[in-house]
Amino acid sequence: MSTSSTNTLGKYQIIREIARSNDIVYEAIDPSINRRVALKELSIPPNLDGAQRRERIERFWREGKAAGRLSHPNIVTIFEVGKDGDRHFIAMEFLEG
């Protein structure tokens, strides 16, 4: 799969796109500590009106914050929920496979 139109999102350097469905998931590097992460970027369909867009963004942030409060060996660790310009993302533990 291809990389994004830019090779960074927030502080993260995108290596490659690894999945795409409702949102886009990248393999990326956190350059401050040289850690590989999975970076989930919110994808908003262009046909949504303003209220629908806001709800989609709010839901994405709720998801990231809720997952970030969890601690379990079978759940990936959330490192950051963030925004870079108009792009929203969740940085999480990268798992092979």
C-alpha atoms as a PDB file:
ATOM      1  CA  MET A   1       0.000   0.000   0.000  1.00  0.00           C
ATOM      2  CA  SER A   2       1.130   3.556  -0.475  1.00  0.00           C
ATOM      3  CA  THR A   3       2.085   6.213   2.025  1.00  0.00           C
ATOM      4  CA  SER A   4       0.106   9.353   2.679  1.00  0.00           C
ATOM      5  CA  SER A   5       0.564  12.488   0.578  1.00  0.00           C
ATOM      6  CA  THR A   6       2.901  13.656   3.346  1.00  0.00           C
ATOM      7  CA  ASN A   7       5.364  11.426   5.135  1.00  0.00           C
ATOM      8  CA  THR A   8       4.585  12.765   8.599  1.00  0.00           C
ATOM      9  CA  LEU A   9       1.543  13.004  10.820  1.00  0.00           C
ATOM     10  CA  GLY A  10       2.102  14.940  14.016  1.00  0.00           C
ATOM     11  CA  LYS A  11       5.578  14.037  15.215  1.00  0.00           C
ATOM     12  CA  TYR A  12       5.404  10.605  13.559  1.00  0.00           C
ATOM     13  CA  GLN A  13       7.267   9.611  10.397  1.00  0.00           C
ATOM     14  CA  ILE A  14       5.071   7.405   8.230  1.00  0.00           C
ATOM     15  CA  ILE A  15       6.769   4.300   6.851  1.00  0.00           C
ATOM     16  CA  ARG A  16       3.869   2.698   4.973  1.00  0.00           C
ATOM     17  CA  GLU A  17       0.116   2.262   4.878  1.00  0.00           C
ATOM     18  CA  ILE A  18      -0.848  -1.103   6.351  1.00  0.00           C
ATOM     19  CA  ALA A  19      -4.666  -1.031   6.336  1.00  0.00           C
ATOM     20  CA  ARG A  20      -7.587   0.990   5.041  1.00  0.00           C
ATOM     21  CA  SER A  21     -11.277   0.641   5.850  1.00  0.00           C
ATOM     22  CA  ASN A  22     -13.265   3.339   7.653  1.00  0.00           C
ATOM     23  CA  ASP A  23      -9.927   4.840   8.700  1.00  0.00           C
ATOM     24  CA  ILE A  24      -6.306   4.497   7.545  1.00  0.00           C
ATOM     25  CA  VAL A  25      -3.613   2.709   9.549  1.00  0.00           C
ATOM     26  CA  TYR A  26       0.084   3.355   8.989  1.00  0.00           C
ATOM     27  CA  GLU A  27       3.269   1.866  10.294  1.00  0.00           C
ATOM     28  CA  ALA A  28       5.227   4.835  11.611  1.00  0.00           C
ATOM     29  CA  ILE A  29       8.160   5.846  13.784  1.00  0.00           C
ATOM     30  CA  ASP A  30       8.111   8.116  16.817  1.00  0.00           C
ATOM     31  CA  PRO A  31      11.447   9.860  16.145  1.00  0.00           C
ATOM     32  CA  SER A  32      11.809  11.227  19.670  1.00  0.00           C
ATOM     33  CA  ILE A  33      12.361   7.720  21.071  1.00  0.00           C
ATOM     34  CA  ASN A  34      12.830   5.722  17.849  1.00  0.00           C
ATOM     35  CA  ARG A  35       9.758   3.574  18.572  1.00  0.00           C
ATOM     36  CA  ARG A  36       7.683   1.881  15.889  1.00  0.00           C
ATOM     37  CA  VAL A  37       3.963   2.657  16.236  1.00  0.00           C
ATOM     38  CA  ALA A  38       0.690   1.981  14.489  1.00  0.00           C
ATOM     39  CA  LEU A  39      -0.869   5.289  13.528  1.00  0.00           C
ATOM     40  CA  LYS A  40      -4.617   5.342  12.881  1.00  0.00           C
ATOM     41  CA  GLU A  41      -5.771   8.378  10.900  1.00  0.00           C
ATOM     42  CA  LEU A  42      -9.405   9.423  10.859  1.00  0.00           C
ATOM     43  CA  SER A  43     -10.908   9.277   7.379  1.00  0.00           C
ATOM     44  CA  ILE A  44     -13.991  11.457   6.902  1.00  0.00           C
ATOM     45  CA  PRO A  45     -16.169  10.794   3.847  1.00  0.00           C
ATOM     46  CA  PRO A  46     -16.484  13.987   1.761  1.00  0.00           C
ATOM     47  CA  ASN A  47     -20.287  13.743   1.566  1.00  0.00           C
ATOM     48  CA  LEU A  48     -20.833  14.339   5.312  1.00  0.00           C
ATOM     49  CA  ASP A  49     -22.345  17.656   6.399  1.00  0.00           C
ATOM     50  CA  GLY A  50     -20.838  19.767   9.186  1.00  0.00           C
ATOM     51  CA  ALA A  51     -22.767  18.126  12.033  1.00  0.00           C
ATOM     52  CA  GLN A  52     -21.955  14.637  10.763  1.00  0.00           C
ATOM     53  CA  ARG A  53     -18.264  15.545  10.414  1.00  0.00           C
ATOM     54  CA  ARG A  54     -18.151  16.890  13.980  1.00  0.00           C
ATOM     55  CA  GLU A  55     -19.853  13.738  15.305  1.00  0.00           C
ATOM     56  CA  ARG A  56     -17.373  11.506  13.434  1.00  0.00           C
ATOM     57  CA  ILE A  57     -14.442  13.481  14.884  1.00  0.00           C
ATOM     58  CA  GLU A  58     -15.906  13.396  18.420  1.00  0.00           C
ATOM     59  CA  ARG A  59     -16.491   9.630  18.164  1.00  0.00           C
ATOM     60  CA  PHE A  60     -12.893   9.081  17.001  1.00  0.00           C
ATOM     61  CA  TRP A  61     -11.531  11.058  19.983  1.00  0.00           C
ATOM     62  CA  ARG A  62     -13.825   9.203  22.423  1.00  0.00           C
ATOM     63  CA  GLU A  63     -12.554   5.909  21.000  1.00  0.00           C
ATOM     64  CA  GLY A  64      -8.918   6.925  21.461  1.00  0.00           C
ATOM     65  CA  LYS A  65      -9.422   8.250  24.978  1.00  0.00           C
ATOM     66  CA  ALA A  66     -11.440   5.208  26.081  1.00  0.00           C
ATOM     67  CA  ALA A  67      -8.862   2.792  24.664  1.00  0.00           C
ATOM     68  CA  GLY A  68      -6.097   4.821  26.295  1.00  0.00           C
ATOM     69  CA  ARG A  69      -7.581   4.203  29.739  1.00  0.00           C
ATOM     70  CA  LEU A  70      -7.443   0.424  29.281  1.00  0.00           C
ATOM     71  CA  SER A  71      -4.568  -1.698  30.490  1.00  0.00           C
ATOM     72  CA  HIS A  72      -4.551  -5.380  29.551  1.00  0.00           C
ATOM     73  CA  PRO A  73      -1.965  -7.703  27.962  1.00  0.00           C
ATOM     74  CA  ASN A  74      -4.334  -8.420  25.041  1.00  0.00           C
ATOM     75  CA  ILE A  75      -5.097  -4.767  24.234  1.00  0.00           C
ATOM     76  CA  VAL A  76      -2.644  -2.496  22.415  1.00  0.00           C
ATOM     77  CA  THR A  77      -1.328   0.468  24.364  1.00  0.00           C
ATOM     78  CA  ILE A  78      -2.440   3.924  23.205  1.00  0.00           C
ATOM     79  CA  PHE A  79       0.409   6.442  23.238  1.00  0.00           C
ATOM     80  CA  GLU A  80      -1.340   9.568  21.950  1.00  0.00           C
ATOM     81  CA  VAL A  81      -4.583  10.917  20.526  1.00  0.00           C
ATOM     82  CA  GLY A  82      -3.781  13.978  18.483  1.00  0.00           C
ATOM     83  CA  LYS A  83      -4.424  16.404  15.671  1.00  0.00           C
ATOM     84  CA  ASP A  84      -2.123  17.751  12.970  1.00  0.00           C
ATOM     85  CA  GLY A  85      -3.902  20.536  11.087  1.00  0.00           C
ATOM     86  CA  ASP A  86      -7.197  18.981   9.962  1.00  0.00           C
ATOM     87  CA  ARG A  87      -5.893  15.427  10.402  1.00  0.00           C
ATOM     88  CA  HIS A  88      -6.828  13.458  13.533  1.00  0.00           C
ATOM     89  CA  PHE A  89      -4.873  10.399  14.668  1.00  0.00           C
ATOM     90  CA  ILE A  90      -4.342   7.780  17.352  1.00  0.00           C
ATOM     91  CA  ALA A  91      -0.791   6.513  17.935  1.00  0.00           C
ATOM     92  CA  MET A  92      -0.648   3.035  19.426  1.00  0.00           C
ATOM     93  CA  GLU A  93       1.557   0.049  20.024  1.00  0.00           C
ATOM     94  CA  PHE A  94       2.623  -1.636  16.769  1.00  0.00           C
ATOM     95  CA  LEU A  95       2.092  -5.394  16.553  1.00  0.00           C
ATOM     96  CA  GLU A  96       3.493  -7.540  13.733  1.00  0.00           C
ATOM     97  CA  GLY A  97       1.044  -9.574  11.693  1.00  0.00           C
END
